[in-house]
């Protein structure tokens, strides 16, 4: 079955800016061109209070999400800026009414713990690795430096003011963006079609949503084509189980934040080999002593 999707977008222009660090597996699952990769990384340095460092050997890429969304916008019929009301298989937007398969991609609307984020794009720095900073005063949050060919992403997330925890690299700032990220306990199963943040499938600690988007993409597309959504709903249950684990682990991490120096001192200057765990954060628990 061929289909011609219509996107209703309340934003005036396409292109969401975000850090966009995803695993290579997630990128391959998305099935998009390599032209949307800004840089590839094999090492992440995690620094605690600038005293201890743990090295993560991994395989991640920086996806230029803004560029990808602008391209996607050119490939589909988009009505903007538009609000839309969903009622079953009907969408009402302004004075227009549309019937068909409806996928809710309007963002998370349920309960959540919200964490604030800010990110700068600055002049380039001479770094090869992603650097993540864990601060004893930033409970449940972190900050980062992501070096890119054309600049540097410098950002932080915090329950309080994230600007306080931004790394200082003394570089000229070209752009600033940010917002609030929901830390969600998704429900175990759903009965309607959802996509993106509306599913609640957001990696709890990092706020990454591309993992859930990539994993649901083809089950959703296949379901629209053949009218059978069992694969989509099954995949949602698998992903929801993982994110629920991440949610409870993050809550535990926040309550034991003061004990992090013990962990970092134990693993200081050591390298952990992580690949699958970049998406499945609950597996990280097995890497550390209980």
C-alpha atoms as a PDB file:
ATOM      1  CA  UNK A   1       0.000   0.000   0.000  1.00  0.00           C
ATOM      2  CA  UNK A   2       1.360   3.425  -0.938  1.00  0.00           C
ATOM      3  CA  UNK A   3       0.754   6.293   1.419  1.00  0.00           C
ATOM      4  CA  UNK A   4       1.288  10.030   1.315  1.00  0.00           C
ATOM      5  CA  UNK A   5       1.740  11.297   4.880  1.00  0.00           C
ATOM      6  CA  UNK A   6       0.726  14.750   6.016  1.00  0.00           C
ATOM      7  CA  UNK A   7       2.619  16.310   8.918  1.00  0.00           C
ATOM      8  CA  UNK A   8       1.028  18.992  11.076  1.00  0.00           C
ATOM      9  CA  UNK A   9       3.735  21.040  12.773  1.00  0.00           C
ATOM     10  CA  UNK A  10       3.173  23.958  15.137  1.00  0.00           C
ATOM     11  CA  UNK A  11       6.691  25.235  14.460  1.00  0.00           C
ATOM     12  CA  UNK A  12       7.223  27.761  11.695  1.00  0.00           C
ATOM     13  CA  UNK A  13      10.433  26.143  10.473  1.00  0.00           C
ATOM     14  CA  UNK A  14      11.861  22.595  10.560  1.00  0.00           C
ATOM     15  CA  UNK A  15      15.120  21.636  12.221  1.00  0.00           C
ATOM     16  CA  UNK A  16      15.473  20.757  15.914  1.00  0.00           C
ATOM     17  CA  UNK A  17      18.873  21.442  17.437  1.00  0.00           C
ATOM     18  CA  UNK A  18      20.224  18.896  19.888  1.00  0.00           C
ATOM     19  CA  UNK A  19      23.488  17.186  20.857  1.00  0.00           C
ATOM     20  CA  UNK A  20      22.605  14.186  18.673  1.00  0.00           C
ATOM     21  CA  UNK A  21      25.053  11.584  20.005  1.00  0.00           C
ATOM     22  CA  UNK A  22      23.738   8.151  19.027  1.00  0.00           C
ATOM     23  CA  UNK A  23      25.184   4.674  18.662  1.00  0.00           C
ATOM     24  CA  UNK A  24      26.193   3.441  15.248  1.00  0.00           C
ATOM     25  CA  UNK A  25      23.543   0.735  15.583  1.00  0.00           C
ATOM     26  CA  UNK A  26      20.838   3.361  16.068  1.00  0.00           C
ATOM     27  CA  UNK A  27      22.139   5.291  13.065  1.00  0.00           C
ATOM     28  CA  UNK A  28      22.081   2.175  10.865  1.00  0.00           C
ATOM     29  CA  UNK A  29      18.567   1.368  12.076  1.00  0.00           C
ATOM     30  CA  UNK A  30      17.420   4.827  10.985  1.00  0.00           C
ATOM     31  CA  UNK A  31      18.565   3.972   7.457  1.00  0.00           C
ATOM     32  CA  UNK A  32      19.545   7.518   6.457  1.00  0.00           C
ATOM     33  CA  UNK A  33      22.498   8.781   4.448  1.00  0.00           C
ATOM     34  CA  UNK A  34      25.957   9.218   5.958  1.00  0.00           C
ATOM     35  CA  UNK A  35      25.767  12.855   4.901  1.00  0.00           C
ATOM     36  CA  UNK A  36      23.956  13.486   8.195  1.00  0.00           C
ATOM     37  CA  UNK A  37      26.948  12.315  10.266  1.00  0.00           C
ATOM     38  CA  UNK A  38      29.019  15.233  11.562  1.00  0.00           C
ATOM     39  CA  UNK A  39      31.668  13.160  13.322  1.00  0.00           C
ATOM     40  CA  UNK A  40      32.388   9.668  14.637  1.00  0.00           C
ATOM     41  CA  UNK A  41      33.799   8.962  18.099  1.00  0.00           C
ATOM     42  CA  UNK A  42      35.456   5.930  19.651  1.00  0.00           C
ATOM     43  CA  UNK A  43      36.102   7.305  23.136  1.00  0.00           C
ATOM     44  CA  UNK A  44      34.067   9.175  25.742  1.00  0.00           C
ATOM     45  CA  UNK A  45      35.883  10.605  28.765  1.00  0.00           C
ATOM     46  CA  UNK A  46      33.781  10.844  31.925  1.00  0.00           C
ATOM     47  CA  UNK A  47      35.324  13.164  34.494  1.00  0.00           C
ATOM     48  CA  UNK A  48      34.147  13.459  38.090  1.00  0.00           C
ATOM     49  CA  UNK A  49      34.786  16.818  39.799  1.00  0.00           C
ATOM     50  CA  UNK A  50      37.880  17.088  37.572  1.00  0.00           C
ATOM     51  CA  UNK A  51      39.634  14.606  39.879  1.00  0.00           C
ATOM     52  CA  UNK A  52      38.913  11.211  38.346  1.00  0.00           C
ATOM     53  CA  UNK A  53      38.395  10.048  34.759  1.00  0.00           C
ATOM     54  CA  UNK A  54      36.828   6.885  33.362  1.00  0.00           C
ATOM     55  CA  UNK A  55      37.305   6.175  29.659  1.00  0.00           C
ATOM     56  CA  UNK A  56      34.494   4.623  27.643  1.00  0.00           C
ATOM     57  CA  UNK A  57      35.503   2.719  24.518  1.00  0.00           C
ATOM     58  CA  UNK A  58      32.459   2.823  22.250  1.00  0.00           C
ATOM     59  CA  UNK A  59      31.241   3.502  18.711  1.00  0.00           C
ATOM     60  CA  UNK A  60      29.023   6.564  18.465  1.00  0.00           C
ATOM     61  CA  UNK A  61      28.328   9.273  15.941  1.00  0.00           C
ATOM     62  CA  UNK A  62      27.077  12.826  16.044  1.00  0.00           C
ATOM     63  CA  UNK A  63      23.876  12.963  14.008  1.00  0.00           C
ATOM     64  CA  UNK A  64      23.093  16.401  12.600  1.00  0.00           C
ATOM     65  CA  UNK A  65      19.439  16.240  13.541  1.00  0.00           C
ATOM     66  CA  UNK A  66      18.722  19.764  12.348  1.00  0.00           C
ATOM     67  CA  UNK A  67      19.993  18.953   8.849  1.00  0.00           C
ATOM     68  CA  UNK A  68      18.110  15.630   8.856  1.00  0.00           C
ATOM     69  CA  UNK A  69      14.792  17.229   9.823  1.00  0.00           C
ATOM     70  CA  UNK A  70      15.132  19.900   7.145  1.00  0.00           C
ATOM     71  CA  UNK A  71      15.680  17.163   4.551  1.00  0.00           C
ATOM     72  CA  UNK A  72      12.741  15.120   5.860  1.00  0.00           C
ATOM     73  CA  UNK A  73      10.546  18.211   5.687  1.00  0.00           C
ATOM     74  CA  UNK A  74      11.302  18.479   1.972  1.00  0.00           C
ATOM     75  CA  UNK A  75      10.253  14.848   1.433  1.00  0.00           C
ATOM     76  CA  UNK A  76       6.773  15.006   2.989  1.00  0.00           C
ATOM     77  CA  UNK A  77       3.739  17.278   2.846  1.00  0.00           C
ATOM     78  CA  UNK A  78       3.955  19.554   5.901  1.00  0.00           C
ATOM     79  CA  UNK A  79       1.364  22.045   7.050  1.00  0.00           C
ATOM     80  CA  UNK A  80       2.862  24.703   9.326  1.00  0.00           C
ATOM     81  CA  UNK A  81       2.456  26.407  11.638  1.00  0.00           C
ATOM     82  CA  UNK A  82      -0.554  24.277  12.523  1.00  0.00           C
ATOM     83  CA  UNK A  83      -2.132  22.929  15.692  1.00  0.00           C
ATOM     84  CA  UNK A  84      -4.060  19.691  15.297  1.00  0.00           C
ATOM     85  CA  UNK A  85      -6.714  17.892  17.323  1.00  0.00           C
ATOM     86  CA  UNK A  86      -6.664  14.078  17.174  1.00  0.00           C
ATOM     87  CA  UNK A  87      -9.913  12.165  17.558  1.00  0.00           C
ATOM     88  CA  UNK A  88      -9.427   8.499  16.737  1.00  0.00           C
ATOM     89  CA  UNK A  89      -8.677   8.267  13.015  1.00  0.00           C
ATOM     90  CA  UNK A  90      -9.557  11.916  12.475  1.00  0.00           C
ATOM     91  CA  UNK A  91      -7.372  14.999  12.587  1.00  0.00           C
ATOM     92  CA  UNK A  92      -8.928  18.450  12.763  1.00  0.00           C
ATOM     93  CA  UNK A  93      -6.673  21.386  11.964  1.00  0.00           C
ATOM     94  CA  UNK A  94      -8.230  24.799  11.604  1.00  0.00           C
ATOM     95  CA  UNK A  95     -11.272  24.415   9.363  1.00  0.00           C
ATOM     96  CA  UNK A  96      -9.926  21.249   7.741  1.00  0.00           C
ATOM     97  CA  UNK A  97     -10.705  17.649   8.598  1.00  0.00           C
ATOM     98  CA  UNK A  98      -8.616  14.622   7.617  1.00  0.00           C
ATOM     99  CA  UNK A  99      -9.391  10.903   7.881  1.00  0.00           C
ATOM    100  CA  UNK A 100      -6.880   8.058   7.895  1.00  0.00           C
ATOM    101  CA  UNK A 101      -4.197   6.379   9.983  1.00  0.00           C
ATOM    102  CA  UNK A 102      -3.137   8.866  12.654  1.00  0.00           C
ATOM    103  CA  UNK A 103       0.217   8.782  14.444  1.00  0.00           C
ATOM    104  CA  UNK A 104       0.519  11.051  17.481  1.00  0.00           C
ATOM    105  CA  UNK A 105       3.961  12.719  17.437  1.00  0.00           C
ATOM    106  CA  UNK A 106       3.015  15.742  19.521  1.00  0.00           C
ATOM    107  CA  UNK A 107       5.458  15.239  22.404  1.00  0.00           C
ATOM    108  CA  UNK A 108       5.163  13.946  25.945  1.00  0.00           C
ATOM    109  CA  UNK A 109       2.065  15.083  27.852  1.00  0.00           C
ATOM    110  CA  UNK A 110       2.048  12.787  30.883  1.00  0.00           C
ATOM    111  CA  UNK A 111       3.756  12.911  34.256  1.00  0.00           C
ATOM    112  CA  UNK A 112       7.517  13.378  34.284  1.00  0.00           C
ATOM    113  CA  UNK A 113      10.457  14.743  36.203  1.00  0.00           C
ATOM    114  CA  UNK A 114      11.630  17.624  34.051  1.00  0.00           C
ATOM    115  CA  UNK A 115      15.301  18.506  33.757  1.00  0.00           C
ATOM    116  CA  UNK A 116      16.581  21.711  32.148  1.00  0.00           C
ATOM    117  CA  UNK A 117      19.084  21.734  29.293  1.00  0.00           C
ATOM    118  CA  UNK A 118      21.215  24.359  27.595  1.00  0.00           C
ATOM    119  CA  UNK A 119      23.760  24.006  24.815  1.00  0.00           C
ATOM    120  CA  UNK A 120      26.099  26.391  23.007  1.00  0.00           C
ATOM    121  CA  UNK A 121      27.695  26.022  19.608  1.00  0.00           C
ATOM    122  CA  UNK A 122      31.123  27.630  19.906  1.00  0.00           C
ATOM    123  CA  UNK A 123      34.354  27.901  17.978  1.00  0.00           C
ATOM    124  CA  UNK A 124      36.215  24.589  17.456  1.00  0.00           C
ATOM    125  CA  UNK A 125      38.446  23.116  20.151  1.00  0.00           C
ATOM    126  CA  UNK A 126      41.408  20.793  19.737  1.00  0.00           C
ATOM    127  CA  UNK A 127      39.861  17.605  21.134  1.00  0.00           C
ATOM    128  CA  UNK A 128      39.362  14.124  19.708  1.00  0.00           C
ATOM    129  CA  UNK A 129      36.973  12.693  22.298  1.00  0.00           C
ATOM    130  CA  UNK A 130      33.615  13.527  23.788  1.00  0.00           C
ATOM    131  CA  UNK A 131      34.128  14.782  27.351  1.00  0.00           C
ATOM    132  CA  UNK A 132      31.380  14.369  29.966  1.00  0.00           C
ATOM    133  CA  UNK A 133      31.598  16.094  33.334  1.00  0.00           C
ATOM    134  CA  UNK A 134      29.909  14.755  36.458  1.00  0.00           C
ATOM    135  CA  UNK A 135      29.690  17.346  39.234  1.00  0.00           C
ATOM    136  CA  UNK A 136      29.007  16.444  42.860  1.00  0.00           C
ATOM    137  CA  UNK A 137      26.719  19.497  43.091  1.00  0.00           C
ATOM    138  CA  UNK A 138      24.723  18.674  39.958  1.00  0.00           C
ATOM    139  CA  UNK A 139      22.676  15.774  41.295  1.00  0.00           C
ATOM    140  CA  UNK A 140      21.184  13.753  38.450  1.00  0.00           C
ATOM    141  CA  UNK A 141      22.752  15.960  35.782  1.00  0.00           C
ATOM    142  CA  UNK A 142      25.944  16.323  33.773  1.00  0.00           C
ATOM    143  CA  UNK A 143      27.683  18.560  31.255  1.00  0.00           C
ATOM    144  CA  UNK A 144      29.633  17.918  28.070  1.00  0.00           C
ATOM    145  CA  UNK A 145      31.966  19.001  25.304  1.00  0.00           C
ATOM    146  CA  UNK A 146      31.465  17.526  21.829  1.00  0.00           C
ATOM    147  CA  UNK A 147      34.119  18.601  19.287  1.00  0.00           C
ATOM    148  CA  UNK A 148      32.880  18.893  15.707  1.00  0.00           C
ATOM    149  CA  UNK A 149      34.653  19.845  12.464  1.00  0.00           C
ATOM    150  CA  UNK A 150      32.910  23.229  12.314  1.00  0.00           C
ATOM    151  CA  UNK A 151      32.517  24.028  16.026  1.00  0.00           C
ATOM    152  CA  UNK A 152      32.014  22.667  19.513  1.00  0.00           C
ATOM    153  CA  UNK A 153      28.849  21.684  21.376  1.00  0.00           C
ATOM    154  CA  UNK A 154      29.118  22.755  25.015  1.00  0.00           C
ATOM    155  CA  UNK A 155      26.123  21.888  27.154  1.00  0.00           C
ATOM    156  CA  UNK A 156      24.670  20.884  30.498  1.00  0.00           C
ATOM    157  CA  UNK A 157      21.509  19.457  32.031  1.00  0.00           C
ATOM    158  CA  UNK A 158      20.413  20.080  35.603  1.00  0.00           C
ATOM    159  CA  UNK A 159      17.307  20.179  37.773  1.00  0.00           C
ATOM    160  CA  UNK A 160      18.415  23.708  38.722  1.00  0.00           C
ATOM    161  CA  UNK A 161      20.218  26.215  36.494  1.00  0.00           C
ATOM    162  CA  UNK A 162      22.265  24.293  33.895  1.00  0.00           C
ATOM    163  CA  UNK A 163      24.330  27.399  33.023  1.00  0.00           C
ATOM    164  CA  UNK A 164      26.147  27.013  36.348  1.00  0.00           C
ATOM    165  CA  UNK A 165      27.586  23.703  35.181  1.00  0.00           C
ATOM    166  CA  UNK A 166      28.592  24.623  31.625  1.00  0.00           C
ATOM    167  CA  UNK A 167      32.267  23.819  30.907  1.00  0.00           C
ATOM    168  CA  UNK A 168      34.289  26.986  30.379  1.00  0.00           C
ATOM    169  CA  UNK A 169      36.326  26.693  27.184  1.00  0.00           C
ATOM    170  CA  UNK A 170      36.788  30.421  26.437  1.00  0.00           C
ATOM    171  CA  UNK A 171      35.528  30.205  22.874  1.00  0.00           C
ATOM    172  CA  UNK A 172      33.226  32.525  20.948  1.00  0.00           C
ATOM    173  CA  UNK A 173      29.576  31.430  21.035  1.00  0.00           C
ATOM    174  CA  UNK A 174      27.741  31.195  17.694  1.00  0.00           C
ATOM    175  CA  UNK A 175      24.375  29.831  18.840  1.00  0.00           C
ATOM    176  CA  UNK A 176      22.423  28.938  21.982  1.00  0.00           C
ATOM    177  CA  UNK A 177      19.553  26.491  22.306  1.00  0.00           C
ATOM    178  CA  UNK A 178      17.938  24.386  25.006  1.00  0.00           C
ATOM    179  CA  UNK A 179      14.738  23.587  26.809  1.00  0.00           C
ATOM    180  CA  UNK A 180      13.251  21.040  29.176  1.00  0.00           C
ATOM    181  CA  UNK A 181      13.638  17.265  28.872  1.00  0.00           C
ATOM    182  CA  UNK A 182      11.124  14.880  30.485  1.00  0.00           C
ATOM    183  CA  UNK A 183      12.367  11.954  32.525  1.00  0.00           C
ATOM    184  CA  UNK A 184       9.493   9.597  31.936  1.00  0.00           C
ATOM    185  CA  UNK A 185       8.250   6.305  33.347  1.00  0.00           C
ATOM    186  CA  UNK A 186       6.485   5.025  30.202  1.00  0.00           C
ATOM    187  CA  UNK A 187       3.440   2.809  30.462  1.00  0.00           C
ATOM    188  CA  UNK A 188       3.975  -0.875  29.719  1.00  0.00           C
ATOM    189  CA  UNK A 189       1.805  -0.949  26.599  1.00  0.00           C
ATOM    190  CA  UNK A 190      -0.138   1.423  24.381  1.00  0.00           C
ATOM    191  CA  UNK A 191      -3.277   1.065  22.244  1.00  0.00           C
ATOM    192  CA  UNK A 192      -2.823   3.949  19.800  1.00  0.00           C
ATOM    193  CA  UNK A 193      -0.015   4.800  17.402  1.00  0.00           C
ATOM    194  CA  UNK A 194       2.590   7.154  18.797  1.00  0.00           C
ATOM    195  CA  UNK A 195       6.027   8.249  17.674  1.00  0.00           C
ATOM    196  CA  UNK A 196       8.872  10.308  19.091  1.00  0.00           C
ATOM    197  CA  UNK A 197       8.652  11.806  22.581  1.00  0.00           C
ATOM    198  CA  UNK A 198       4.903  11.144  22.774  1.00  0.00           C
ATOM    199  CA  UNK A 199       5.786   7.474  23.411  1.00  0.00           C
ATOM    200  CA  UNK A 200       7.797   8.340  26.524  1.00  0.00           C
ATOM    201  CA  UNK A 201      10.644   6.202  25.167  1.00  0.00           C
ATOM    202  CA  UNK A 202      13.319   8.703  26.157  1.00  0.00           C
ATOM    203  CA  UNK A 203      16.570   7.448  27.664  1.00  0.00           C
ATOM    204  CA  UNK A 204      16.204   8.611  31.231  1.00  0.00           C
ATOM    205  CA  UNK A 205      19.643   9.869  32.184  1.00  0.00           C
ATOM    206  CA  UNK A 206      20.827  11.307  28.857  1.00  0.00           C
ATOM    207  CA  UNK A 207      17.449  12.404  27.467  1.00  0.00           C
ATOM    208  CA  UNK A 208      18.137  10.713  24.119  1.00  0.00           C
ATOM    209  CA  UNK A 209      15.057  10.034  22.010  1.00  0.00           C
ATOM    210  CA  UNK A 210      16.588   8.803  18.735  1.00  0.00           C
ATOM    211  CA  UNK A 211      17.030   5.250  20.078  1.00  0.00           C
ATOM    212  CA  UNK A 212      13.262   4.851  20.475  1.00  0.00           C
ATOM    213  CA  UNK A 213      12.544   6.624  17.185  1.00  0.00           C
ATOM    214  CA  UNK A 214      14.907   4.361  15.235  1.00  0.00           C
ATOM    215  CA  UNK A 215      13.611   1.173  16.869  1.00  0.00           C
ATOM    216  CA  UNK A 216       9.938   1.960  16.178  1.00  0.00           C
ATOM    217  CA  UNK A 217      10.399   3.460  12.722  1.00  0.00           C
ATOM    218  CA  UNK A 218      10.224   0.405  10.491  1.00  0.00           C
ATOM    219  CA  UNK A 219       7.651  -1.528  12.574  1.00  0.00           C
ATOM    220  CA  UNK A 220       5.452   1.584  12.284  1.00  0.00           C
ATOM    221  CA  UNK A 221       6.023   2.028   8.541  1.00  0.00           C
ATOM    222  CA  UNK A 222       5.445  -1.680   7.868  1.00  0.00           C
ATOM    223  CA  UNK A 223       2.259  -1.567   9.908  1.00  0.00           C
ATOM    224  CA  UNK A 224       0.926   1.387   7.938  1.00  0.00           C
ATOM    225  CA  UNK A 225       1.685  -0.435   4.696  1.00  0.00           C
ATOM    226  CA  UNK A 226       0.132  -3.788   5.580  1.00  0.00           C
ATOM    227  CA  UNK A 227      -2.435  -2.716   8.161  1.00  0.00           C
ATOM    228  CA  UNK A 228      -0.956  -4.954  10.882  1.00  0.00           C
ATOM    229  CA  UNK A 229       0.674  -3.280  13.882  1.00  0.00           C
ATOM    230  CA  UNK A 230       1.549  -6.281  16.066  1.00  0.00           C
ATOM    231  CA  UNK A 231       5.285  -5.788  15.383  1.00  0.00           C
ATOM    232  CA  UNK A 232       5.023  -2.119  16.358  1.00  0.00           C
ATOM    233  CA  UNK A 233       3.221  -2.812  19.639  1.00  0.00           C
ATOM    234  CA  UNK A 234       5.608  -5.660  20.491  1.00  0.00           C
ATOM    235  CA  UNK A 235       8.620  -3.425  19.912  1.00  0.00           C
ATOM    236  CA  UNK A 236       7.061  -0.699  22.054  1.00  0.00           C
ATOM    237  CA  UNK A 237       6.712  -3.152  24.975  1.00  0.00           C
ATOM    238  CA  UNK A 238      10.375  -4.151  24.676  1.00  0.00           C
ATOM    239  CA  UNK A 239      11.535  -0.534  24.604  1.00  0.00           C
ATOM    240  CA  UNK A 240       9.206   0.513  27.435  1.00  0.00           C
ATOM    241  CA  UNK A 241      10.624  -2.248  29.637  1.00  0.00           C
ATOM    242  CA  UNK A 242      14.160  -0.950  29.037  1.00  0.00           C
ATOM    243  CA  UNK A 243      13.272   2.711  29.661  1.00  0.00           C
ATOM    244  CA  UNK A 244      11.395   1.786  32.838  1.00  0.00           C
ATOM    245  CA  UNK A 245      14.577   0.087  34.081  1.00  0.00           C
ATOM    246  CA  UNK A 246      16.573   3.192  33.183  1.00  0.00           C
ATOM    247  CA  UNK A 247      14.092   5.377  35.063  1.00  0.00           C
ATOM    248  CA  UNK A 248      14.433   3.422  38.307  1.00  0.00           C
ATOM    249  CA  UNK A 249      18.227   3.165  37.956  1.00  0.00           C
ATOM    250  CA  UNK A 250      18.443   6.943  37.481  1.00  0.00           C
ATOM    251  CA  UNK A 251      16.304   7.526  40.569  1.00  0.00           C
ATOM    252  CA  UNK A 252      18.608   5.216  42.526  1.00  0.00           C
ATOM    253  CA  UNK A 253      21.652   7.027  41.131  1.00  0.00           C
ATOM    254  CA  UNK A 254      20.257  10.376  42.273  1.00  0.00           C
ATOM    255  CA  UNK A 255      19.643   9.064  45.799  1.00  0.00           C
ATOM    256  CA  UNK A 256      23.201   7.666  46.031  1.00  0.00           C
ATOM    257  CA  UNK A 257      24.940  10.552  44.242  1.00  0.00           C
ATOM    258  CA  UNK A 258      27.247  11.255  47.195  1.00  0.00           C
ATOM    259  CA  UNK A 259      28.816   7.810  46.797  1.00  0.00           C
ATOM    260  CA  UNK A 260      29.958   8.386  43.198  1.00  0.00           C
ATOM    261  CA  UNK A 261      33.534   9.340  44.231  1.00  0.00           C
ATOM    262  CA  UNK A 262      34.016   5.777  45.464  1.00  0.00           C
ATOM    263  CA  UNK A 263      33.083   4.376  42.056  1.00  0.00           C
ATOM    264  CA  UNK A 264      35.221   6.871  40.131  1.00  0.00           C
ATOM    265  CA  UNK A 265      38.203   6.372  42.413  1.00  0.00           C
ATOM    266  CA  UNK A 266      37.950   2.615  41.920  1.00  0.00           C
ATOM    267  CA  UNK A 267      37.809   2.911  38.121  1.00  0.00           C
ATOM    268  CA  UNK A 268      40.026   5.995  37.736  1.00  0.00           C
ATOM    269  CA  UNK A 269      42.045   5.930  34.476  1.00  0.00           C
ATOM    270  CA  UNK A 270      40.463   2.609  33.489  1.00  0.00           C
ATOM    271  CA  UNK A 271      38.673   1.917  30.192  1.00  0.00           C
ATOM    272  CA  UNK A 272      35.265   0.273  29.929  1.00  0.00           C
ATOM    273  CA  UNK A 273      34.327  -1.294  26.605  1.00  0.00           C
ATOM    274  CA  UNK A 274      30.726  -0.357  25.900  1.00  0.00           C
ATOM    275  CA  UNK A 275      28.753  -0.812  22.702  1.00  0.00           C
ATOM    276  CA  UNK A 276      25.228  -2.157  23.250  1.00  0.00           C
ATOM    277  CA  UNK A 277      25.098  -0.444  26.639  1.00  0.00           C
ATOM    278  CA  UNK A 278      25.099   2.991  24.989  1.00  0.00           C
ATOM    279  CA  UNK A 279      21.468   2.338  24.047  1.00  0.00           C
ATOM    280  CA  UNK A 280      20.556  -0.118  26.777  1.00  0.00           C
ATOM    281  CA  UNK A 281      21.722   1.840  29.811  1.00  0.00           C
ATOM    282  CA  UNK A 282      20.344  -0.756  32.216  1.00  0.00           C
ATOM    283  CA  UNK A 283      23.149  -3.096  31.108  1.00  0.00           C
ATOM    284  CA  UNK A 284      25.724  -0.652  32.492  1.00  0.00           C
ATOM    285  CA  UNK A 285      24.900  -1.883  35.986  1.00  0.00           C
ATOM    286  CA  UNK A 286      26.619  -5.186  35.161  1.00  0.00           C
ATOM    287  CA  UNK A 287      29.853  -3.299  34.415  1.00  0.00           C
ATOM    288  CA  UNK A 288      30.256  -2.076  37.980  1.00  0.00           C
ATOM    289  CA  UNK A 289      30.530  -3.916  41.309  1.00  0.00           C
ATOM    290  CA  UNK A 290      27.323  -4.360  43.308  1.00  0.00           C
END
